[in-house]
Amino acid sequence: MYGVRRGIKSPGEFGVSDILGLGLSGAAGIVAALVTDYQQQGEASALFTINQWIVQLGGILGFSEIPLWMVVLGMTTIGAVSIFYFQPITRQGAFAQGFGLLAVIMTATPTGLAGGIQAIGNALPGLEPAGTHEASMMGGQIINASYSPGGARLYQVQQGHDPAKYDVHLRINFPDGFPADVDTLIRTGAIRGRLHNDDTGETWNLFRSAGGTVRQQGNSLIIEAGVPARSATARLWVRVECKGYTIEEQSATATLGETLSWSVDMQPSKTPLFLQRFGRSYKY
């Protein structure tokens, strides 16, 4: 019975209205902690990482389209129900308990910051002898194969070359232009972008460079990146978020040895980004 362990009231004197008020206070504490983390951490917020975990779990159970608002609702419910375990005796205590509970969860959750986009890999050099050439991957090494005029297949392991990468040339078009200087948009989180490889599960930040190039050309951003590969083809995903535009998410198939020319057209929107984000499922 609520209040049996401690309380200002005698055990059993906590009525429905008392429990409801304490539950709402606990939920409010969770919401306050969520808002604080979201505002302070931006795309590094643990909320996005938790969404990814739940999407992965949902994929095992047969459903994966779990938007961010459902994660918020679930965590708020946890804050409300947790009063039955911690049994705070005041609404201020319930609020602090909910806030502290989520703070612990957020602290234990790793940030989901992605690495910078990489440079396009060097082209694989072929073998000099005449014949048909192939390139493949065995045990993480690049293998060059050629056929001699007699039909014998010759192998040569390439040493000292960059790992195989998909060559991605991405053009993001903003028909209404940019709402501010691009550098300012990136710094303030008003523009974000992710590039994801379904085959390897790796994700990169489109606007953080680790050798890749990002340049502005009129009302477009041109991004050239090398995406590490472990198979001949892979499904790549890109998600772009920008103030004044609808969040855009697309996929395309990349093939080793071929340039993936990818164009993304942003659609103008007056809906604030934070509202759009709560309606989306963050898988990467």
C-alpha atoms as a PDB file:
ATOM      1  CA  MET A   1       0.000   0.000   0.000  1.00  0.00           C
ATOM      2  CA  TYR A   2       1.360   3.407  -0.974  1.00  0.00           C
ATOM      3  CA  GLY A   3       2.962   5.220   1.961  1.00  0.00           C
ATOM      4  CA  VAL A   4       3.478   2.146   4.070  1.00  0.00           C
ATOM      5  CA  ARG A   5       7.234   2.606   4.225  1.00  0.00           C
ATOM      6  CA  ARG A   6       7.278   6.273   5.137  1.00  0.00           C
ATOM      7  CA  GLY A   7       5.064   9.296   4.994  1.00  0.00           C
ATOM      8  CA  ILE A   8       3.680  12.351   6.603  1.00  0.00           C
ATOM      9  CA  LYS A   9       0.285  10.713   6.429  1.00  0.00           C
ATOM     10  CA  SER A  10      -0.468   7.464   8.132  1.00  0.00           C
ATOM     11  CA  PRO A  11      -0.123   4.310   6.003  1.00  0.00           C
ATOM     12  CA  GLY A  12      -3.100   3.956   3.722  1.00  0.00           C
ATOM     13  CA  GLU A  13      -4.092   7.625   3.881  1.00  0.00           C
ATOM     14  CA  PHE A  14      -2.683   8.413   0.426  1.00  0.00           C
ATOM     15  CA  GLY A  15      -5.748   8.730  -1.756  1.00  0.00           C
ATOM     16  CA  VAL A  16      -6.171   8.596  -5.523  1.00  0.00           C
ATOM     17  CA  SER A  17      -5.701  12.351  -5.882  1.00  0.00           C
ATOM     18  CA  ASP A  18      -2.470  12.207  -3.861  1.00  0.00           C
ATOM     19  CA  ILE A  19      -1.031   9.389  -5.963  1.00  0.00           C
ATOM     20  CA  LEU A  20      -2.145  11.100  -9.182  1.00  0.00           C
ATOM     21  CA  GLY A  21      -0.458  14.348  -8.147  1.00  0.00           C
ATOM     22  CA  LEU A  22       2.752  12.543  -7.200  1.00  0.00           C
ATOM     23  CA  GLY A  23       2.719  10.619 -10.486  1.00  0.00           C
ATOM     24  CA  LEU A  24       2.267  13.788 -12.506  1.00  0.00           C
ATOM     25  CA  SER A  25       5.101  15.441 -10.586  1.00  0.00           C
ATOM     26  CA  GLY A  26       7.382  12.473 -11.289  1.00  0.00           C
ATOM     27  CA  ALA A  27       6.465  12.653 -14.973  1.00  0.00           C
ATOM     28  CA  ALA A  28       7.117  16.412 -14.979  1.00  0.00           C
ATOM     29  CA  GLY A  29      10.590  15.750 -13.573  1.00  0.00           C
ATOM     30  CA  ILE A  30      11.291  13.372 -16.451  1.00  0.00           C
ATOM     31  CA  VAL A  31      10.070  15.932 -19.008  1.00  0.00           C
ATOM     32  CA  ALA A  32      12.211  18.680 -17.459  1.00  0.00           C
ATOM     33  CA  ALA A  33      15.308  16.473 -17.643  1.00  0.00           C
ATOM     34  CA  LEU A  34      14.504  15.506 -21.242  1.00  0.00           C
ATOM     35  CA  VAL A  35      14.113  19.133 -22.318  1.00  0.00           C
ATOM     36  CA  THR A  36      17.353  20.107 -20.555  1.00  0.00           C
ATOM     37  CA  ASP A  37      19.323  17.305 -22.208  1.00  0.00           C
ATOM     38  CA  TYR A  38      17.793  17.999 -25.638  1.00  0.00           C
ATOM     39  CA  GLN A  39      18.486  21.732 -25.464  1.00  0.00           C
ATOM     40  CA  GLN A  40      22.014  21.421 -24.082  1.00  0.00           C
ATOM     41  CA  GLN A  41      23.295  18.427 -26.047  1.00  0.00           C
ATOM     42  CA  GLY A  42      21.612  18.880 -29.433  1.00  0.00           C
ATOM     43  CA  GLU A  43      22.278  15.927 -31.739  1.00  0.00           C
ATOM     44  CA  ALA A  44      24.445  14.392 -28.985  1.00  0.00           C
ATOM     45  CA  SER A  45      21.340  14.041 -26.792  1.00  0.00           C
ATOM     46  CA  ALA A  46      20.951  10.577 -25.300  1.00  0.00           C
ATOM     47  CA  LEU A  47      17.330  10.714 -26.467  1.00  0.00           C
ATOM     48  CA  PHE A  48      18.420   9.911 -30.040  1.00  0.00           C
ATOM     49  CA  THR A  49      20.605   7.010 -28.883  1.00  0.00           C
ATOM     50  CA  ILE A  50      17.736   5.554 -26.836  1.00  0.00           C
ATOM     51  CA  ASN A  51      15.500   5.870 -29.927  1.00  0.00           C
ATOM     52  CA  GLN A  52      18.066   3.886 -31.934  1.00  0.00           C
ATOM     53  CA  TRP A  53      18.164   1.144 -29.281  1.00  0.00           C
ATOM     54  CA  ILE A  54      14.381   0.887 -29.195  1.00  0.00           C
ATOM     55  CA  VAL A  55      14.203   0.790 -33.005  1.00  0.00           C
ATOM     56  CA  GLN A  56      16.729  -2.071 -33.016  1.00  0.00           C
ATOM     57  CA  LEU A  57      14.731  -3.923 -30.370  1.00  0.00           C
ATOM     58  CA  GLY A  58      11.529  -3.240 -32.289  1.00  0.00           C
ATOM     59  CA  GLY A  59      13.141  -4.652 -35.433  1.00  0.00           C
ATOM     60  CA  ILE A  60      13.680  -7.952 -33.614  1.00  0.00           C
ATOM     61  CA  LEU A  61      10.038  -7.973 -32.524  1.00  0.00           C
ATOM     62  CA  GLY A  62       8.787  -7.067 -35.993  1.00  0.00           C
ATOM     63  CA  PHE A  63       8.231  -3.300 -35.797  1.00  0.00           C
ATOM     64  CA  SER A  64      10.859  -0.628 -36.317  1.00  0.00           C
ATOM     65  CA  GLU A  65       9.049   2.642 -37.105  1.00  0.00           C
ATOM     66  CA  ILE A  66       9.117   4.060 -33.580  1.00  0.00           C
ATOM     67  CA  PRO A  67       9.081   7.889 -33.639  1.00  0.00           C
ATOM     68  CA  LEU A  68      10.841  10.012 -31.067  1.00  0.00           C
ATOM     69  CA  TRP A  69       7.576  11.119 -29.427  1.00  0.00           C
ATOM     70  CA  MET A  70       6.816   7.521 -28.467  1.00  0.00           C
ATOM     71  CA  VAL A  71      10.182   7.277 -26.715  1.00  0.00           C
ATOM     72  CA  VAL A  72       9.429  10.490 -24.815  1.00  0.00           C
ATOM     73  CA  LEU A  73       5.976   9.188 -23.876  1.00  0.00           C
ATOM     74  CA  GLY A  74       7.422   5.888 -22.676  1.00  0.00           C
ATOM     75  CA  MET A  75      10.071   7.562 -20.522  1.00  0.00           C
ATOM     76  CA  THR A  76       7.502   9.977 -19.093  1.00  0.00           C
ATOM     77  CA  THR A  77       5.322   7.004 -18.150  1.00  0.00           C
ATOM     78  CA  ILE A  78       8.304   5.403 -16.416  1.00  0.00           C
ATOM     79  CA  GLY A  79       8.713   8.593 -14.367  1.00  0.00           C
ATOM     80  CA  ALA A  80       5.061   8.517 -13.346  1.00  0.00           C
ATOM     81  CA  VAL A  81       5.050   4.824 -12.413  1.00  0.00           C
ATOM     82  CA  SER A  82       8.396   4.971 -10.582  1.00  0.00           C
ATOM     83  CA  ILE A  83       6.743   6.723  -7.621  1.00  0.00           C
ATOM     84  CA  PHE A  84       5.332   3.351  -6.581  1.00  0.00           C
ATOM     85  CA  TYR A  85       8.876   2.089  -6.058  1.00  0.00           C
ATOM     86  CA  PHE A  86      10.554   5.171  -4.582  1.00  0.00           C
ATOM     87  CA  GLN A  87       7.390   6.363  -2.791  1.00  0.00           C
ATOM     88  CA  PRO A  88       8.129  10.111  -2.467  1.00  0.00           C
ATOM     89  CA  ILE A  89       5.898  11.837   0.076  1.00  0.00           C
ATOM     90  CA  THR A  90       5.728  15.315  -1.502  1.00  0.00           C
ATOM     91  CA  ARG A  91       5.226  16.540  -5.042  1.00  0.00           C
ATOM     92  CA  GLN A  92       8.533  18.366  -4.891  1.00  0.00           C
ATOM     93  CA  GLY A  93      10.173  15.083  -3.929  1.00  0.00           C
ATOM     94  CA  ALA A  94       8.421  13.257  -6.770  1.00  0.00           C
ATOM     95  CA  PHE A  95       9.612  15.886  -9.253  1.00  0.00           C
ATOM     96  CA  ALA A  96      13.211  15.643  -7.995  1.00  0.00           C
ATOM     97  CA  GLN A  97      13.024  11.844  -8.083  1.00  0.00           C
ATOM     98  CA  GLY A  98      11.827  11.858 -11.717  1.00  0.00           C
ATOM     99  CA  PHE A  99      14.465  14.400 -12.743  1.00  0.00           C
ATOM    100  CA  GLY A 100      17.221  12.452 -10.994  1.00  0.00           C
ATOM    101  CA  LEU A 101      16.066   9.129 -12.451  1.00  0.00           C
ATOM    102  CA  LEU A 102      16.333  10.401 -15.997  1.00  0.00           C
ATOM    103  CA  ALA A 103      19.622  12.159 -15.255  1.00  0.00           C
ATOM    104  CA  VAL A 104      21.067   8.768 -14.279  1.00  0.00           C
ATOM    105  CA  ILE A 105      19.708   7.175 -17.463  1.00  0.00           C
ATOM    106  CA  MET A 106      21.112   9.970 -19.621  1.00  0.00           C
ATOM    107  CA  THR A 107      24.510   9.780 -17.940  1.00  0.00           C
ATOM    108  CA  ALA A 108      24.688   6.017 -18.531  1.00  0.00           C
ATOM    109  CA  THR A 109      23.682   6.354 -22.209  1.00  0.00           C
ATOM    110  CA  PRO A 110      26.573   6.952 -24.650  1.00  0.00           C
ATOM    111  CA  THR A 111      26.271   9.858 -27.053  1.00  0.00           C
ATOM    112  CA  GLY A 112      25.426   9.067 -30.658  1.00  0.00           C
ATOM    113  CA  LEU A 113      27.837  11.508 -32.278  1.00  0.00           C
ATOM    114  CA  ALA A 114      28.938  10.201 -35.680  1.00  0.00           C
ATOM    115  CA  GLY A 115      32.428  10.497 -37.111  1.00  0.00           C
ATOM    116  CA  GLY A 116      33.398  12.819 -39.921  1.00  0.00           C
ATOM    117  CA  ILE A 117      33.001  11.888 -43.578  1.00  0.00           C
ATOM    118  CA  GLN A 118      36.109  10.348 -45.095  1.00  0.00           C
ATOM    119  CA  ALA A 119      37.998  11.156 -48.264  1.00  0.00           C
ATOM    120  CA  ILE A 120      37.362   9.233 -51.451  1.00  0.00           C
ATOM    121  CA  GLY A 121      39.719   6.241 -51.616  1.00  0.00           C
ATOM    122  CA  ASN A 122      42.457   5.881 -54.210  1.00  0.00           C
ATOM    123  CA  ALA A 123      41.555   3.923 -57.299  1.00  0.00           C
ATOM    124  CA  LEU A 124      42.739   0.322 -57.235  1.00  0.00           C
ATOM    125  CA  PRO A 125      45.765  -0.040 -59.538  1.00  0.00           C
ATOM    126  CA  GLY A 126      45.456  -2.879 -62.051  1.00  0.00           C
ATOM    127  CA  LEU A 127      48.107  -5.412 -63.032  1.00  0.00           C
ATOM    128  CA  GLU A 128      50.288  -4.642 -65.991  1.00  0.00           C
ATOM    129  CA  PRO A 129      49.944  -7.935 -67.958  1.00  0.00           C
ATOM    130  CA  ALA A 130      47.312  -7.871 -70.663  1.00  0.00           C
ATOM    131  CA  GLY A 131      44.044  -9.575 -69.879  1.00  0.00           C
ATOM    132  CA  THR A 132      40.819  -9.108 -67.959  1.00  0.00           C
ATOM    133  CA  HIS A 133      41.187  -7.607 -64.454  1.00  0.00           C
ATOM    134  CA  GLU A 134      39.009  -8.018 -61.371  1.00  0.00           C
ATOM    135  CA  ALA A 135      39.203  -6.631 -57.841  1.00  0.00           C
ATOM    136  CA  SER A 136      37.733  -8.352 -54.794  1.00  0.00           C
ATOM    137  CA  MET A 137      38.134  -8.461 -51.026  1.00  0.00           C
ATOM    138  CA  MET A 138      39.395 -11.493 -49.115  1.00  0.00           C
ATOM    139  CA  GLY A 139      40.058 -11.436 -45.399  1.00  0.00           C
ATOM    140  CA  GLY A 140      40.034  -7.632 -45.374  1.00  0.00           C
ATOM    141  CA  GLN A 141      42.726  -7.399 -48.096  1.00  0.00           C
ATOM    142  CA  ILE A 142      42.322  -6.105 -51.632  1.00  0.00           C
ATOM    143  CA  ILE A 143      42.942  -8.889 -54.139  1.00  0.00           C
ATOM    144  CA  ASN A 144      43.666  -8.104 -57.778  1.00  0.00           C
ATOM    145  CA  ALA A 145      43.053 -10.910 -60.241  1.00  0.00           C
ATOM    146  CA  SER A 146      44.008 -11.050 -63.902  1.00  0.00           C
ATOM    147  CA  TYR A 147      43.588 -13.637 -66.592  1.00  0.00           C
ATOM    148  CA  SER A 148      46.645 -14.459 -68.672  1.00  0.00           C
ATOM    149  CA  PRO A 149      46.253 -15.139 -72.360  1.00  0.00           C
ATOM    150  CA  GLY A 150      46.328 -18.860 -71.541  1.00  0.00           C
ATOM    151  CA  GLY A 151      43.381 -18.515 -69.173  1.00  0.00           C
ATOM    152  CA  ALA A 152      45.314 -18.950 -65.902  1.00  0.00           C
ATOM    153  CA  ARG A 153      44.078 -16.722 -63.083  1.00  0.00           C
ATOM    154  CA  LEU A 154      46.829 -14.777 -61.324  1.00  0.00           C
ATOM    155  CA  TYR A 155      46.403 -13.089 -57.922  1.00  0.00           C
ATOM    156  CA  GLN A 156      48.313 -10.234 -56.382  1.00  0.00           C
ATOM    157  CA  VAL A 157      47.641  -8.907 -52.857  1.00  0.00           C
ATOM    158  CA  GLN A 158      47.689  -5.112 -52.784  1.00  0.00           C
ATOM    159  CA  GLN A 159      49.608  -3.726 -49.827  1.00  0.00           C
ATOM    160  CA  GLY A 160      49.719  -0.143 -48.578  1.00  0.00           C
ATOM    161  CA  HIS A 161      46.551   1.036 -50.304  1.00  0.00           C
ATOM    162  CA  ASP A 162      43.442   2.641 -48.823  1.00  0.00           C
ATOM    163  CA  PRO A 163      40.598   0.287 -47.822  1.00  0.00           C
ATOM    164  CA  ALA A 164      37.884  -0.125 -50.421  1.00  0.00           C
ATOM    165  CA  LYS A 165      35.362   2.729 -50.412  1.00  0.00           C
ATOM    166  CA  TYR A 166      32.227   3.711 -52.256  1.00  0.00           C
ATOM    167  CA  ASP A 167      32.658   6.987 -54.126  1.00  0.00           C
ATOM    168  CA  VAL A 168      29.709   9.197 -53.105  1.00  0.00           C
ATOM    169  CA  HIS A 169      29.014  12.606 -54.679  1.00  0.00           C
ATOM    170  CA  LEU A 170      26.032  14.131 -52.893  1.00  0.00           C
ATOM    171  CA  ARG A 171      24.271  17.331 -53.950  1.00  0.00           C
ATOM    172  CA  ILE A 172      21.747  18.829 -51.480  1.00  0.00           C
ATOM    173  CA  ASN A 173      19.541  21.497 -53.045  1.00  0.00           C
ATOM    174  CA  PHE A 174      17.856  24.249 -50.992  1.00  0.00           C
ATOM    175  CA  PRO A 175      15.371  25.979 -53.357  1.00  0.00           C
ATOM    176  CA  ASP A 176      14.680  28.886 -50.976  1.00  0.00           C
ATOM    177  CA  GLY A 177      18.343  29.349 -50.108  1.00  0.00           C
ATOM    178  CA  PHE A 178      19.872  29.113 -46.649  1.00  0.00           C
ATOM    179  CA  PRO A 179      18.240  30.802 -43.621  1.00  0.00           C
ATOM    180  CA  ALA A 180      21.685  31.915 -42.405  1.00  0.00           C
ATOM    181  CA  ASP A 181      25.378  31.476 -43.059  1.00  0.00           C
ATOM    182  CA  VAL A 182      26.092  27.747 -43.489  1.00  0.00           C
ATOM    183  CA  ASP A 183      28.855  27.723 -40.862  1.00  0.00           C
ATOM    184  CA  THR A 184      26.465  29.328 -38.372  1.00  0.00           C
ATOM    185  CA  LEU A 185      23.752  26.811 -39.200  1.00  0.00           C
ATOM    186  CA  ILE A 186      26.141  23.924 -38.567  1.00  0.00           C
ATOM    187  CA  ARG A 187      27.483  25.416 -35.344  1.00  0.00           C
ATOM    188  CA  THR A 188      24.008  26.036 -33.905  1.00  0.00           C
ATOM    189  CA  GLY A 189      22.562  22.702 -35.019  1.00  0.00           C
ATOM    190  CA  ALA A 190      20.074  24.359 -37.391  1.00  0.00           C
ATOM    191  CA  ILE A 191      21.387  22.075 -40.123  1.00  0.00           C
ATOM    192  CA  ARG A 192      22.333  18.441 -39.531  1.00  0.00           C
ATOM    193  CA  GLY A 193      23.040  15.501 -41.765  1.00  0.00           C
ATOM    194  CA  ARG A 194      23.842  11.819 -41.432  1.00  0.00           C
ATOM    195  CA  LEU A 195      25.157   9.264 -43.912  1.00  0.00           C
ATOM    196  CA  HIS A 196      24.563   5.626 -42.976  1.00  0.00           C
ATOM    197  CA  ASN A 197      25.803   2.339 -44.442  1.00  0.00           C
ATOM    198  CA  ASP A 198      23.180  -0.373 -43.908  1.00  0.00           C
ATOM    199  CA  ASP A 199      25.718  -3.093 -44.691  1.00  0.00           C
ATOM    200  CA  THR A 200      28.237  -2.171 -41.985  1.00  0.00           C
ATOM    201  CA  GLY A 201      25.959  -0.269 -39.596  1.00  0.00           C
ATOM    202  CA  GLU A 202      28.346   2.714 -39.617  1.00  0.00           C
ATOM    203  CA  THR A 203      27.150   6.332 -39.580  1.00  0.00           C
ATOM    204  CA  TRP A 204      28.921   9.580 -40.483  1.00  0.00           C
ATOM    205  CA  ASN A 205      28.167  13.247 -39.915  1.00  0.00           C
ATOM    206  CA  LEU A 206      27.767  14.950 -43.295  1.00  0.00           C
ATOM    207  CA  PHE A 207      28.960  18.286 -41.939  1.00  0.00           C
ATOM    208  CA  ARG A 208      32.026  17.035 -40.075  1.00  0.00           C
ATOM    209  CA  SER A 209      35.033  16.270 -42.245  1.00  0.00           C
ATOM    210  CA  ALA A 210      37.704  13.632 -41.756  1.00  0.00           C
ATOM    211  CA  GLY A 211      39.089  14.116 -45.261  1.00  0.00           C
ATOM    212  CA  GLY A 212      35.823  14.421 -47.189  1.00  0.00           C
ATOM    213  CA  THR A 213      34.857  17.726 -48.807  1.00  0.00           C
ATOM    214  CA  VAL A 214      31.833  19.959 -48.238  1.00  0.00           C
ATOM    215  CA  ARG A 215      31.406  23.117 -50.309  1.00  0.00           C
ATOM    216  CA  GLN A 216      28.631  25.569 -51.068  1.00  0.00           C
ATOM    217  CA  GLN A 217      27.591  26.200 -54.646  1.00  0.00           C
ATOM    218  CA  GLY A 218      24.778  28.721 -54.918  1.00  0.00           C
ATOM    219  CA  ASN A 219      21.764  27.272 -53.118  1.00  0.00           C
ATOM    220  CA  SER A 220      23.317  23.821 -52.930  1.00  0.00           C
ATOM    221  CA  LEU A 221      25.810  21.956 -50.787  1.00  0.00           C
ATOM    222  CA  ILE A 222      28.183  19.617 -52.614  1.00  0.00           C
ATOM    223  CA  ILE A 223      29.573  16.755 -50.529  1.00  0.00           C
ATOM    224  CA  GLU A 224      32.189  14.292 -51.745  1.00  0.00           C
ATOM    225  CA  ALA A 225      32.921  11.362 -49.454  1.00  0.00           C
ATOM    226  CA  GLY A 226      34.370   7.883 -49.424  1.00  0.00           C
ATOM    227  CA  VAL A 227      32.228   5.347 -47.566  1.00  0.00           C
ATOM    228  CA  PRO A 228      34.152   2.296 -46.263  1.00  0.00           C
ATOM    229  CA  ALA A 229      32.931  -0.890 -47.969  1.00  0.00           C
ATOM    230  CA  ARG A 230      33.024  -4.581 -47.194  1.00  0.00           C
ATOM    231  CA  SER A 231      30.914  -5.824 -50.119  1.00  0.00           C
ATOM    232  CA  ALA A 232      30.462  -5.068 -53.802  1.00  0.00           C
ATOM    233  CA  THR A 233      27.214  -3.154 -53.201  1.00  0.00           C
ATOM    234  CA  ALA A 234      25.471  -1.621 -50.205  1.00  0.00           C
ATOM    235  CA  ARG A 235      22.358   0.360 -49.364  1.00  0.00           C
ATOM    236  CA  LEU A 236      23.282   3.849 -48.150  1.00  0.00           C
ATOM    237  CA  TRP A 237      20.937   6.213 -46.331  1.00  0.00           C
ATOM    238  CA  VAL A 238      21.126   9.975 -45.976  1.00  0.00           C
ATOM    239  CA  ARG A 239      19.101  12.213 -43.647  1.00  0.00           C
ATOM    240  CA  VAL A 240      19.260  16.004 -43.896  1.00  0.00           C
ATOM    241  CA  GLU A 241      17.654  18.440 -41.452  1.00  0.00           C
ATOM    242  CA  CYS A 242      17.638  22.190 -41.967  1.00  0.00           C
ATOM    243  CA  LYS A 243      15.716  25.081 -40.451  1.00  0.00           C
ATOM    244  CA  GLY A 244      12.955  26.181 -42.813  1.00  0.00           C
ATOM    245  CA  TYR A 245      12.793  22.822 -44.614  1.00  0.00           C
ATOM    246  CA  THR A 246      11.171  19.418 -44.198  1.00  0.00           C
ATOM    247  CA  ILE A 247      13.488  16.701 -42.890  1.00  0.00           C
ATOM    248  CA  GLU A 248      14.518  14.641 -45.906  1.00  0.00           C
ATOM    249  CA  GLU A 249      15.572  10.973 -45.752  1.00  0.00           C
ATOM    250  CA  GLN A 250      16.519   8.913 -48.805  1.00  0.00           C
ATOM    251  CA  SER A 251      18.413   5.768 -49.720  1.00  0.00           C
ATOM    252  CA  ALA A 252      20.464   4.658 -52.717  1.00  0.00           C
ATOM    253  CA  THR A 253      22.601   1.688 -53.734  1.00  0.00           C
ATOM    254  CA  ALA A 254      26.356   2.228 -53.938  1.00  0.00           C
ATOM    255  CA  THR A 255      28.658   0.002 -56.013  1.00  0.00           C
ATOM    256  CA  LEU A 256      32.414  -0.382 -55.719  1.00  0.00           C
ATOM    257  CA  GLY A 257      34.266   1.164 -58.625  1.00  0.00           C
ATOM    258  CA  GLU A 258      31.344   3.391 -59.623  1.00  0.00           C
ATOM    259  CA  THR A 259      30.552   6.964 -58.608  1.00  0.00           C
ATOM    260  CA  LEU A 260      27.227   7.356 -56.839  1.00  0.00           C
ATOM    261  CA  SER A 261      25.873  10.746 -57.976  1.00  0.00           C
ATOM    262  CA  TRP A 262      23.109  11.491 -55.512  1.00  0.00           C
ATOM    263  CA  SER A 263      20.817  14.525 -55.505  1.00  0.00           C
ATOM    264  CA  VAL A 264      18.550  15.456 -52.586  1.00  0.00           C
ATOM    265  CA  ASP A 265      15.949  18.207 -53.009  1.00  0.00           C
ATOM    266  CA  MET A 266      14.843  19.840 -49.757  1.00  0.00           C
ATOM    267  CA  GLN A 267      11.198  20.920 -49.434  1.00  0.00           C
ATOM    268  CA  PRO A 268      10.398  24.273 -47.727  1.00  0.00           C
ATOM    269  CA  SER A 269       8.403  23.993 -44.485  1.00  0.00           C
ATOM    270  CA  LYS A 270       7.229  26.332 -41.728  1.00  0.00           C
ATOM    271  CA  THR A 271       7.093  23.550 -39.121  1.00  0.00           C
ATOM    272  CA  PRO A 272       9.839  24.015 -36.487  1.00  0.00           C
ATOM    273  CA  LEU A 273      12.600  21.421 -36.641  1.00  0.00           C
ATOM    274  CA  PHE A 274      12.103  20.204 -33.079  1.00  0.00           C
ATOM    275  CA  LEU A 275       8.475  19.317 -33.866  1.00  0.00           C
ATOM    276  CA  GLN A 276       9.513  17.519 -37.053  1.00  0.00           C
ATOM    277  CA  ARG A 277      12.133  15.543 -35.142  1.00  0.00           C
ATOM    278  CA  PHE A 278       9.629  14.293 -32.590  1.00  0.00           C
ATOM    279  CA  GLY A 279       7.617  12.794 -35.427  1.00  0.00           C
ATOM    280  CA  ARG A 280      10.522  10.846 -36.919  1.00  0.00           C
ATOM    281  CA  SER A 281      12.153   7.532 -36.071  1.00  0.00           C
ATOM    282  CA  TYR A 282      15.912   7.868 -35.559  1.00  0.00           C
ATOM    283  CA  LYS A 283      17.473   4.603 -36.688  1.00  0.00           C
ATOM    284  CA  TYR A 284      20.970   6.040 -37.117  1.00  0.00           C
END
